[in-house]
mmCIF file of all heavy atoms, coordinates in Angstrom:
data_MODEL
# 
_entry.id   MODEL 
# 
loop_
_atom_site.group_PDB 
_atom_site.id 
_atom_site.type_symbol 
_atom_site.label_atom_id 
_atom_site.label_alt_id 
_atom_site.label_comp_id 
_atom_site.label_asym_id 
_atom_site.label_entity_id 
_atom_site.label_seq_id 
_atom_site.pdbx_PDB_ins_code 
_atom_site.Cartn_x 
_atom_site.Cartn_y 
_atom_site.Cartn_z 
_atom_site.occupancy 
_atom_site.B_iso_or_equiv 
_atom_site.pdbx_formal_charge 
_atom_site.auth_seq_id 
_atom_site.auth_comp_id 
_atom_site.auth_asym_id 
_atom_site.auth_atom_id 
_atom_site.pdbx_PDB_model_num 
ATOM 1   N N   . MET A 1 1  ? 0.837   -1.192 0.000  1.00 0.00 ? 1  MET A N   1 
ATOM 2   C CA  . MET A 1 1  ? 0.000   0.000  0.000  1.00 0.00 ? 1  MET A CA  1 
ATOM 3   C C   . MET A 1 1  ? 0.876   1.247  0.000  1.00 0.00 ? 1  MET A C   1 
ATOM 4   O O   . MET A 1 1  ? 1.686   1.455  0.912  1.00 0.00 ? 1  MET A O   1 
ATOM 5   C CB  . MET A 1 1  ? -0.916  0.014  1.226  1.00 0.00 ? 1  MET A CB  1 
ATOM 6   C CG  . MET A 1 1  ? -1.703  1.304  1.406  1.00 0.00 ? 1  MET A CG  1 
ATOM 7   S SD  . MET A 1 1  ? -2.782  1.714  0.011  1.00 0.00 ? 1  MET A SD  1 
ATOM 8   C CE  . MET A 1 1  ? -4.048  0.446  0.185  1.00 0.00 ? 1  MET A CE  1 
ATOM 9   N N   . LEU A 1 2  ? 0.713   2.067  -1.030 1.00 0.00 ? 2  LEU A N   1 
ATOM 10  C CA  . LEU A 1 2  ? 1.386   3.365  -1.126 1.00 0.00 ? 2  LEU A CA  1 
ATOM 11  C C   . LEU A 1 2  ? 0.327   4.365  -1.588 1.00 0.00 ? 2  LEU A C   1 
ATOM 12  O O   . LEU A 1 2  ? 0.085   4.537  -2.776 1.00 0.00 ? 2  LEU A O   1 
ATOM 13  C CB  . LEU A 1 2  ? 2.557   3.308  -2.117 1.00 0.00 ? 2  LEU A CB  1 
ATOM 14  C CG  . LEU A 1 2  ? 3.755   2.468  -1.668 1.00 0.00 ? 2  LEU A CG  1 
ATOM 15  C CD1 . LEU A 1 2  ? 4.707   2.211  -2.828 1.00 0.00 ? 2  LEU A CD1 1 
ATOM 16  C CD2 . LEU A 1 2  ? 4.494   3.170  -0.524 1.00 0.00 ? 2  LEU A CD2 1 
ATOM 17  N N   . ARG A 1 3  ? -0.305  5.029  -0.646 1.00 0.00 ? 3  ARG A N   1 
ATOM 18  C CA  . ARG A 1 3  ? -1.500  5.806  -0.920 1.00 0.00 ? 3  ARG A CA  1 
ATOM 19  C C   . ARG A 1 3  ? -1.225  7.050  -1.771 1.00 0.00 ? 3  ARG A C   1 
ATOM 20  O O   . ARG A 1 3  ? -0.225  7.743  -1.587 1.00 0.00 ? 3  ARG A O   1 
ATOM 21  C CB  . ARG A 1 3  ? -2.162  6.242  0.391  1.00 0.00 ? 3  ARG A CB  1 
ATOM 22  C CG  . ARG A 1 3  ? -3.528  6.895  0.188  1.00 0.00 ? 3  ARG A CG  1 
ATOM 23  C CD  . ARG A 1 3  ? -4.160  7.262  1.505  1.00 0.00 ? 3  ARG A CD  1 
ATOM 24  N NE  . ARG A 1 3  ? -4.433  6.120  2.348  1.00 0.00 ? 3  ARG A NE  1 
ATOM 25  C CZ  . ARG A 1 3  ? -5.454  5.299  2.188  1.00 0.00 ? 3  ARG A CZ  1 
ATOM 26  N NH1 . ARG A 1 3  ? -6.290  5.469  1.174  1.00 0.00 ? 3  ARG A NH1 1 
ATOM 27  N NH2 . ARG A 1 3  ? -5.644  4.301  3.020  1.00 0.00 ? 3  ARG A NH2 1 
ATOM 28  N N   . TYR A 1 4  ? -2.155  7.306  -2.695 1.00 0.00 ? 4  TYR A N   1 
ATOM 29  C CA  . TYR A 1 4  ? -2.199  8.563  -3.438 1.00 0.00 ? 4  TYR A CA  1 
ATOM 30  C C   . TYR A 1 4  ? -3.473  9.269  -3.005 1.00 0.00 ? 4  TYR A C   1 
ATOM 31  O O   . TYR A 1 4  ? -4.579  8.770  -3.224 1.00 0.00 ? 4  TYR A O   1 
ATOM 32  C CB  . TYR A 1 4  ? -2.195  8.312  -4.952 1.00 0.00 ? 4  TYR A CB  1 
ATOM 33  C CG  . TYR A 1 4  ? -2.282  9.587  -5.760 1.00 0.00 ? 4  TYR A CG  1 
ATOM 34  C CD1 . TYR A 1 4  ? -1.130  10.281 -6.102 1.00 0.00 ? 4  TYR A CD1 1 
ATOM 35  C CD2 . TYR A 1 4  ? -3.512  10.116 -6.144 1.00 0.00 ? 4  TYR A CD2 1 
ATOM 36  C CE1 . TYR A 1 4  ? -1.203  11.462 -6.834 1.00 0.00 ? 4  TYR A CE1 1 
ATOM 37  C CE2 . TYR A 1 4  ? -3.597  11.293 -6.871 1.00 0.00 ? 4  TYR A CE2 1 
ATOM 38  C CZ  . TYR A 1 4  ? -2.435  11.959 -7.215 1.00 0.00 ? 4  TYR A CZ  1 
ATOM 39  O OH  . TYR A 1 4  ? -2.512  13.137 -7.921 1.00 0.00 ? 4  TYR A OH  1 
ATOM 40  N N   . ALA A 1 5  ? -3.345  10.425 -2.367 1.00 0.00 ? 5  ALA A N   1 
ATOM 41  C CA  . ALA A 1 5  ? -4.467  11.074 -1.698 1.00 0.00 ? 5  ALA A CA  1 
ATOM 42  C C   . ALA A 1 5  ? -5.472  11.667 -2.677 1.00 0.00 ? 5  ALA A C   1 
ATOM 43  O O   . ALA A 1 5  ? -5.101  12.387 -3.605 1.00 0.00 ? 5  ALA A O   1 
ATOM 44  C CB  . ALA A 1 5  ? -3.949  12.169 -0.775 1.00 0.00 ? 5  ALA A CB  1 
ATOM 45  N N   . ILE A 1 6  ? -6.758  11.380 -2.429 1.00 0.00 ? 6  ILE A N   1 
ATOM 46  C CA  . ILE A 1 6  ? -7.851  11.991 -3.196 1.00 0.00 ? 6  ILE A CA  1 
ATOM 47  C C   . ILE A 1 6  ? -9.048  12.301 -2.292 1.00 0.00 ? 6  ILE A C   1 
ATOM 48  O O   . ILE A 1 6  ? -10.145 12.574 -2.783 1.00 0.00 ? 6  ILE A O   1 
ATOM 49  C CB  . ILE A 1 6  ? -8.315  11.088 -4.357 1.00 0.00 ? 6  ILE A CB  1 
ATOM 50  C CG1 . ILE A 1 6  ? -8.647  9.681  -3.851 1.00 0.00 ? 6  ILE A CG1 1 
ATOM 51  C CG2 . ILE A 1 6  ? -7.292  11.042 -5.467 1.00 0.00 ? 6  ILE A CG2 1 
ATOM 52  C CD1 . ILE A 1 6  ? -9.359  8.820  -4.871 1.00 0.00 ? 6  ILE A CD1 1 
ATOM 53  N N   . HIS A 1 7  ? -8.840  12.251 -0.965 1.00 0.00 ? 7  HIS A N   1 
ATOM 54  C CA  . HIS A 1 7  ? -9.909  12.536 -0.002 1.00 0.00 ? 7  HIS A CA  1 
ATOM 55  C C   . HIS A 1 7  ? -9.398  13.499 1.065  1.00 0.00 ? 7  HIS A C   1 
ATOM 56  O O   . HIS A 1 7  ? -8.193  13.700 1.215  1.00 0.00 ? 7  HIS A O   1 
ATOM 57  C CB  . HIS A 1 7  ? -10.397 11.252 0.682  1.00 0.00 ? 7  HIS A CB  1 
ATOM 58  C CG  . HIS A 1 7  ? -11.119 10.308 -0.216 1.00 0.00 ? 7  HIS A CG  1 
ATOM 59  N ND1 . HIS A 1 7  ? -12.451 10.443 -0.530 1.00 0.00 ? 7  HIS A ND1 1 
ATOM 60  C CD2 . HIS A 1 7  ? -10.692 9.200  -0.877 1.00 0.00 ? 7  HIS A CD2 1 
ATOM 61  C CE1 . HIS A 1 7  ? -12.819 9.450  -1.342 1.00 0.00 ? 7  HIS A CE1 1 
ATOM 62  N NE2 . HIS A 1 7  ? -11.774 8.693  -1.568 1.00 0.00 ? 7  HIS A NE2 1 
ATOM 63  N N   . CYS A 1 8  ? -10.329 14.032 1.833  1.00 0.00 ? 8  CYS A N   1 
ATOM 64  C CA  . CYS A 1 8  ? -9.983  14.952 2.917  1.00 0.00 ? 8  CYS A CA  1 
ATOM 65  C C   . CYS A 1 8  ? -9.604  14.211 4.194  1.00 0.00 ? 8  CYS A C   1 
ATOM 66  O O   . CYS A 1 8  ? -10.145 13.152 4.509  1.00 0.00 ? 8  CYS A O   1 
ATOM 67  C CB  . CYS A 1 8  ? -11.169 15.867 3.230  1.00 0.00 ? 8  CYS A CB  1 
ATOM 68  S SG  . CYS A 1 8  ? -11.438 17.195 2.034  1.00 0.00 ? 8  CYS A SG  1 
ATOM 69  N N   . THR A 1 9  ? -8.698  14.818 4.940  1.00 0.00 ? 9  THR A N   1 
ATOM 70  C CA  . THR A 1 9  ? -8.452  14.434 6.327  1.00 0.00 ? 9  THR A CA  1 
ATOM 71  C C   . THR A 1 9  ? -9.409  15.238 7.215  1.00 0.00 ? 9  THR A C   1 
ATOM 72  O O   . THR A 1 9  ? -10.081 16.174 6.754  1.00 0.00 ? 9  THR A O   1 
ATOM 73  C CB  . THR A 1 9  ? -7.013  14.755 6.733  1.00 0.00 ? 9  THR A CB  1 
ATOM 74  O OG1 . THR A 1 9  ? -6.833  16.180 6.691  1.00 0.00 ? 9  THR A OG1 1 
ATOM 75  C CG2 . THR A 1 9  ? -6.003  14.093 5.803  1.00 0.00 ? 9  THR A CG2 1 
ATOM 76  N N   . GLN A 1 10 ? -9.443  14.903 8.498  1.00 0.00 ? 10 GLN A N   1 
ATOM 77  C CA  . GLN A 1 10 ? -10.265 15.681 9.422  1.00 0.00 ? 10 GLN A CA  1 
ATOM 78  C C   . GLN A 1 10 ? -9.808  17.133 9.450  1.00 0.00 ? 10 GLN A C   1 
ATOM 79  O O   . GLN A 1 10 ? -10.629 18.060 9.484  1.00 0.00 ? 10 GLN A O   1 
ATOM 80  C CB  . GLN A 1 10 ? -10.198 15.076 10.827 1.00 0.00 ? 10 GLN A CB  1 
ATOM 81  C CG  . GLN A 1 10 ? -10.967 15.889 11.862 1.00 0.00 ? 10 GLN A CG  1 
ATOM 82  C CD  . GLN A 1 10 ? -11.071 15.194 13.192 1.00 0.00 ? 10 GLN A CD  1 
ATOM 83  O OE1 . GLN A 1 10 ? -11.710 14.143 13.301 1.00 0.00 ? 10 GLN A OE1 1 
ATOM 84  N NE2 . GLN A 1 10 ? -10.451 15.756 14.222 1.00 0.00 ? 10 GLN A NE2 1 
ATOM 85  N N   . GLU A 1 11 ? -8.510  17.336 9.438  1.00 0.00 ? 11 GLU A N   1 
ATOM 86  C CA  . GLU A 1 11 ? -7.974  18.699 9.440  1.00 0.00 ? 11 GLU A CA  1 
ATOM 87  C C   . GLU A 1 11 ? -8.483  19.489 8.244  1.00 0.00 ? 11 GLU A C   1 
ATOM 88  O O   . GLU A 1 11 ? -8.906  20.653 8.371  1.00 0.00 ? 11 GLU A O   1 
ATOM 89  C CB  . GLU A 1 11 ? -6.442  18.620 9.417  1.00 0.00 ? 11 GLU A CB  1 
ATOM 90  C CG  . GLU A 1 11 ? -5.725  19.941 9.367  1.00 0.00 ? 11 GLU A CG  1 
ATOM 91  C CD  . GLU A 1 11 ? -4.217  19.784 9.256  1.00 0.00 ? 11 GLU A CD  1 
ATOM 92  O OE1 . GLU A 1 11 ? -3.718  18.638 9.394  1.00 0.00 ? 11 GLU A OE1 1 
ATOM 93  O OE2 . GLU A 1 11 ? -3.543  20.796 9.022  1.00 0.00 ? 11 GLU A OE2 1 
ATOM 94  N N   . GLU A 1 12 ? -8.469  18.883 7.058  1.00 0.00 ? 12 GLU A N   1 
ATOM 95  C CA  . GLU A 1 12 ? -8.939  19.569 5.854  1.00 0.00 ? 12 GLU A CA  1 
ATOM 96  C C   . GLU A 1 12 ? -10.453 19.759 5.883  1.00 0.00 ? 12 GLU A C   1 
ATOM 97  O O   . GLU A 1 12 ? -10.969 20.795 5.436  1.00 0.00 ? 12 GLU A O   1 
ATOM 98  C CB  . GLU A 1 12 ? -8.513  18.781 4.616  1.00 0.00 ? 12 GLU A CB  1 
ATOM 99  C CG  . GLU A 1 12 ? -7.005  18.819 4.389  1.00 0.00 ? 12 GLU A CG  1 
ATOM 100 C CD  . GLU A 1 12 ? -6.531  17.779 3.396  1.00 0.00 ? 12 GLU A CD  1 
ATOM 101 O OE1 . GLU A 1 12 ? -7.118  16.678 3.361  1.00 0.00 ? 12 GLU A OE1 1 
ATOM 102 O OE2 . GLU A 1 12 ? -5.580  18.064 2.665  1.00 0.00 ? 12 GLU A OE2 1 
ATOM 103 N N   . MET A 1 13 ? -11.161 18.757 6.390  1.00 0.00 ? 13 MET A N   1 
ATOM 104 C CA  . MET A 1 13 ? -12.614 18.868 6.505  1.00 0.00 ? 13 MET A CA  1 
ATOM 105 C C   . MET A 1 13 ? -13.003 20.026 7.422  1.00 0.00 ? 13 MET A C   1 
ATOM 106 O O   . MET A 1 13 ? -13.917 20.812 7.111  1.00 0.00 ? 13 MET A O   1 
ATOM 107 C CB  . MET A 1 13 ? -13.187 17.547 7.027  1.00 0.00 ? 13 MET A CB  1 
ATOM 108 C CG  . MET A 1 13 ? -14.687 17.534 7.234  1.00 0.00 ? 13 MET A CG  1 
ATOM 109 S SD  . MET A 1 13 ? -15.241 18.202 8.846  1.00 0.00 ? 13 MET A SD  1 
ATOM 110 C CE  . MET A 1 13 ? -14.514 17.024 9.982  1.00 0.00 ? 13 MET A CE  1 
ATOM 111 N N   . LEU A 1 14 ? -12.318 20.173 8.530  1.00 0.00 ? 14 LEU A N   1 
ATOM 112 C CA  . LEU A 1 14 ? -12.619 21.263 9.453  1.00 0.00 ? 14 LEU A CA  1 
ATOM 113 C C   . LEU A 1 14 ? -12.279 22.622 8.834  1.00 0.00 ? 14 LEU A C   1 
ATOM 114 O O   . LEU A 1 14 ? -12.942 23.623 9.116  1.00 0.00 ? 14 LEU A O   1 
ATOM 115 C CB  . LEU A 1 14 ? -11.861 21.064 10.761 1.00 0.00 ? 14 LEU A CB  1 
ATOM 116 C CG  . LEU A 1 14 ? -12.374 19.918 11.641 1.00 0.00 ? 14 LEU A CG  1 
ATOM 117 C CD1 . LEU A 1 14 ? -11.463 19.720 12.851 1.00 0.00 ? 14 LEU A CD1 1 
ATOM 118 C CD2 . LEU A 1 14 ? -13.810 20.169 12.094 1.00 0.00 ? 14 LEU A CD2 1 
ATOM 119 N N   . SER A 1 15 ? -11.265 22.652 7.990  1.00 0.00 ? 15 SER A N   1 
ATOM 120 C CA  . SER A 1 15 ? -10.938 23.880 7.274  1.00 0.00 ? 15 SER A CA  1 
ATOM 121 C C   . SER A 1 15 ? -12.077 24.268 6.335  1.00 0.00 ? 15 SER A C   1 
ATOM 122 O O   . SER A 1 15 ? -12.426 25.453 6.214  1.00 0.00 ? 15 SER A O   1 
ATOM 123 C CB  . SER A 1 15 ? -9.637  23.705 6.481  1.00 0.00 ? 15 SER A CB  1 
ATOM 124 O OG  . SER A 1 15 ? -9.336  24.854 5.724  1.00 0.00 ? 15 SER A OG  1 
ATOM 125 N N   . VAL A 1 16 ? -12.656 23.276 5.663  1.00 0.00 ? 16 VAL A N   1 
ATOM 126 C CA  . VAL A 1 16 ? -13.821 23.532 4.806  1.00 0.00 ? 16 VAL A CA  1 
ATOM 127 C C   . VAL A 1 16 ? -14.985 24.039 5.664  1.00 0.00 ? 16 VAL A C   1 
ATOM 128 O O   . VAL A 1 16 ? -15.642 25.038 5.324  1.00 0.00 ? 16 VAL A O   1 
ATOM 129 C CB  . VAL A 1 16 ? -14.232 22.255 4.054  1.00 0.00 ? 16 VAL A CB  1 
ATOM 130 C CG1 . VAL A 1 16 ? -15.556 22.469 3.320  1.00 0.00 ? 16 VAL A CG1 1 
ATOM 131 C CG2 . VAL A 1 16 ? -13.148 21.830 3.075  1.00 0.00 ? 16 VAL A CG2 1 
ATOM 132 N N   . ALA A 1 17 ? -15.249 23.361 6.772  1.00 0.00 ? 17 ALA A N   1 
ATOM 133 C CA  . ALA A 1 17 ? -16.367 23.748 7.633  1.00 0.00 ? 17 ALA A CA  1 
ATOM 134 C C   . ALA A 1 17 ? -16.212 25.174 8.154  1.00 0.00 ? 17 ALA A C   1 
ATOM 135 O O   . ALA A 1 17 ? -17.197 25.915 8.277  1.00 0.00 ? 17 ALA A O   1 
ATOM 136 C CB  . ALA A 1 17 ? -16.479 22.774 8.797  1.00 0.00 ? 17 ALA A CB  1 
ATOM 137 N N   . ALA A 1 18 ? -14.973 25.592 8.436  1.00 0.00 ? 18 ALA A N   1 
ATOM 138 C CA  . ALA A 1 18 ? -14.718 26.928 8.983  1.00 0.00 ? 18 ALA A CA  1 
ATOM 139 C C   . ALA A 1 18 ? -15.040 28.033 7.984  1.00 0.00 ? 18 ALA A C   1 
ATOM 140 O O   . ALA A 1 18 ? -15.234 29.188 8.372  1.00 0.00 ? 18 ALA A O   1 
ATOM 141 C CB  . ALA A 1 18 ? -13.266 27.041 9.429  1.00 0.00 ? 18 ALA A CB  1 
ATOM 142 N N   . GLN A 1 19 ? -15.114 27.691 6.702  1.00 0.00 ? 19 GLN A N   1 
ATOM 143 C CA  . GLN A 1 19 ? -15.392 28.688 5.668  1.00 0.00 ? 19 GLN A CA  1 
ATOM 144 C C   . GLN A 1 19 ? -16.884 28.795 5.349  1.00 0.00 ? 19 GLN A C   1 
ATOM 145 O O   . GLN A 1 19 ? -17.277 29.495 4.414  1.00 0.00 ? 19 GLN A O   1 
ATOM 146 C CB  . GLN A 1 19 ? -14.624 28.325 4.398  1.00 0.00 ? 19 GLN A CB  1 
ATOM 147 C CG  . GLN A 1 19 ? -13.108 28.300 4.580  1.00 0.00 ? 19 GLN A CG  1 
ATOM 148 C CD  . GLN A 1 19 ? -12.408 27.831 3.320  1.00 0.00 ? 19 GLN A CD  1 
ATOM 149 O OE1 . GLN A 1 19 ? -12.474 28.471 2.267  1.00 0.00 ? 19 GLN A OE1 1 
ATOM 150 N NE2 . GLN A 1 19 ? -11.740 26.697 3.423  1.00 0.00 ? 19 GLN A NE2 1 
ATOM 151 N N   . ASN A 1 20 ? -17.698 28.093 6.147  1.00 0.00 ? 20 ASN A N   1 
ATOM 152 C CA  . ASN A 1 20 ? -19.126 28.039 5.887  1.00 0.00 ? 20 ASN A CA  1 
ATOM 153 C C   . ASN A 1 20 ? -19.910 28.178 7.185  1.00 0.00 ? 20 ASN A C   1 
ATOM 154 O O   . ASN A 1 20 ? -19.338 28.249 8.275  1.00 0.00 ? 20 ASN A O   1 
ATOM 155 C CB  . ASN A 1 20 ? -19.476 26.711 5.198  1.00 0.00 ? 20 ASN A CB  1 
ATOM 156 C CG  . ASN A 1 20 ? -18.847 26.590 3.825  1.00 0.00 ? 20 ASN A CG  1 
ATOM 157 O OD1 . ASN A 1 20 ? -19.369 27.098 2.847  1.00 0.00 ? 20 ASN A OD1 1 
ATOM 158 N ND2 . ASN A 1 20 ? -17.701 25.922 3.752  1.00 0.00 ? 20 ASN A ND2 1 
ATOM 159 N N   . ASP A 1 21 ? -21.214 28.210 7.052  1.00 0.00 ? 21 ASP A N   1 
ATOM 160 C CA  . ASP A 1 21 ? -22.109 28.302 8.200  1.00 0.00 ? 21 ASP A CA  1 
ATOM 161 C C   . ASP A 1 21 ? -22.910 27.007 8.280  1.00 0.00 ? 21 ASP A C   1 
ATOM 162 O O   . ASP A 1 21 ? -24.020 26.916 7.743  1.00 0.00 ? 21 ASP A O   1 
ATOM 163 C CB  . ASP A 1 21 ? -23.033 29.522 8.034  1.00 0.00 ? 21 ASP A CB  1 
ATOM 164 C CG  . ASP A 1 21 ? -24.080 29.618 9.140  1.00 0.00 ? 21 ASP A CG  1 
ATOM 165 O OD1 . ASP A 1 21 ? -23.833 29.085 10.240 1.00 0.00 ? 21 ASP A OD1 1 
ATOM 166 O OD2 . ASP A 1 21 ? -25.149 30.218 8.886  1.00 0.00 ? 21 ASP A OD2 1 
ATOM 167 N N   . PHE A 1 22 ? -22.330 25.994 8.929  1.00 0.00 ? 22 PHE A N   1 
ATOM 168 C CA  . PHE A 1 22 ? -22.975 24.693 9.084  1.00 0.00 ? 22 PHE A CA  1 
ATOM 169 C C   . PHE A 1 22 ? -23.427 24.532 10.537 1.00 0.00 ? 22 PHE A C   1 
ATOM 170 O O   . PHE A 1 22 ? -22.603 24.607 11.455 1.00 0.00 ? 22 PHE A O   1 
ATOM 171 C CB  . PHE A 1 22 ? -22.020 23.559 8.725  1.00 0.00 ? 22 PHE A CB  1 
ATOM 172 C CG  . PHE A 1 22 ? -21.526 23.582 7.298  1.00 0.00 ? 22 PHE A CG  1 
ATOM 173 C CD1 . PHE A 1 22 ? -20.265 23.103 6.980  1.00 0.00 ? 22 PHE A CD1 1 
ATOM 174 C CD2 . PHE A 1 22 ? -22.328 24.059 6.272  1.00 0.00 ? 22 PHE A CD2 1 
ATOM 175 C CE1 . PHE A 1 22 ? -19.804 23.110 5.672  1.00 0.00 ? 22 PHE A CE1 1 
ATOM 176 C CE2 . PHE A 1 22 ? -21.886 24.081 4.958  1.00 0.00 ? 22 PHE A CE2 1 
ATOM 177 C CZ  . PHE A 1 22 ? -20.610 23.605 4.660  1.00 0.00 ? 22 PHE A CZ  1 
ATOM 178 N N   . SER A 1 23 ? -24.713 24.279 10.744 1.00 0.00 ? 23 SER A N   1 
ATOM 179 C CA  . SER A 1 23 ? -25.217 24.098 12.107 1.00 0.00 ? 23 SER A CA  1 
ATOM 180 C C   . SER A 1 23 ? -24.762 22.774 12.707 1.00 0.00 ? 23 SER A C   1 
ATOM 181 O O   . SER A 1 23 ? -24.519 22.680 13.912 1.00 0.00 ? 23 SER A O   1 
ATOM 182 C CB  . SER A 1 23 ? -26.745 24.181 12.112 1.00 0.00 ? 23 SER A CB  1 
ATOM 183 O OG  . SER A 1 23 ? -27.186 25.417 11.587 1.00 0.00 ? 23 SER A OG  1 
ATOM 184 N N   . ARG A 1 24 ? -24.656 21.752 11.878 1.00 0.00 ? 24 ARG A N   1 
ATOM 185 C CA  . ARG A 1 24 ? -24.204 20.433 12.334 1.00 0.00 ? 24 ARG A CA  1 
ATOM 186 C C   . ARG A 1 24 ? -23.376 19.788 11.233 1.00 0.00 ? 24 ARG A C   1 
ATOM 187 O O   . ARG A 1 24 ? -23.659 19.952 10.042 1.00 0.00 ? 24 ARG A O   1 
ATOM 188 C CB  . ARG A 1 24 ? -25.401 19.535 12.664 1.00 0.00 ? 24 ARG A CB  1 
ATOM 189 C CG  . ARG A 1 24 ? -25.018 18.162 13.229 1.00 0.00 ? 24 ARG A CG  1 
ATOM 190 C CD  . ARG A 1 24 ? -26.205 17.216 13.199 1.00 0.00 ? 24 ARG A CD  1 
ATOM 191 N NE  . ARG A 1 24 ? -27.254 17.607 14.114 1.00 0.00 ? 24 ARG A NE  1 
ATOM 192 C CZ  . ARG A 1 24 ? -27.368 17.169 15.367 1.00 0.00 ? 24 ARG A CZ  1 
ATOM 193 N NH1 . ARG A 1 24 ? -26.470 16.321 15.845 1.00 0.00 ? 24 ARG A NH1 1 
ATOM 194 N NH2 . ARG A 1 24 ? -28.364 17.564 16.122 1.00 0.00 ? 24 ARG A NH2 1 
# 
């Protein structure tokens, strides 16, 4: 296994969430 990234990590997901107004 030698991963090639094409998905978000939690850190990246939270960065996306911080740029928006999500209640949950």
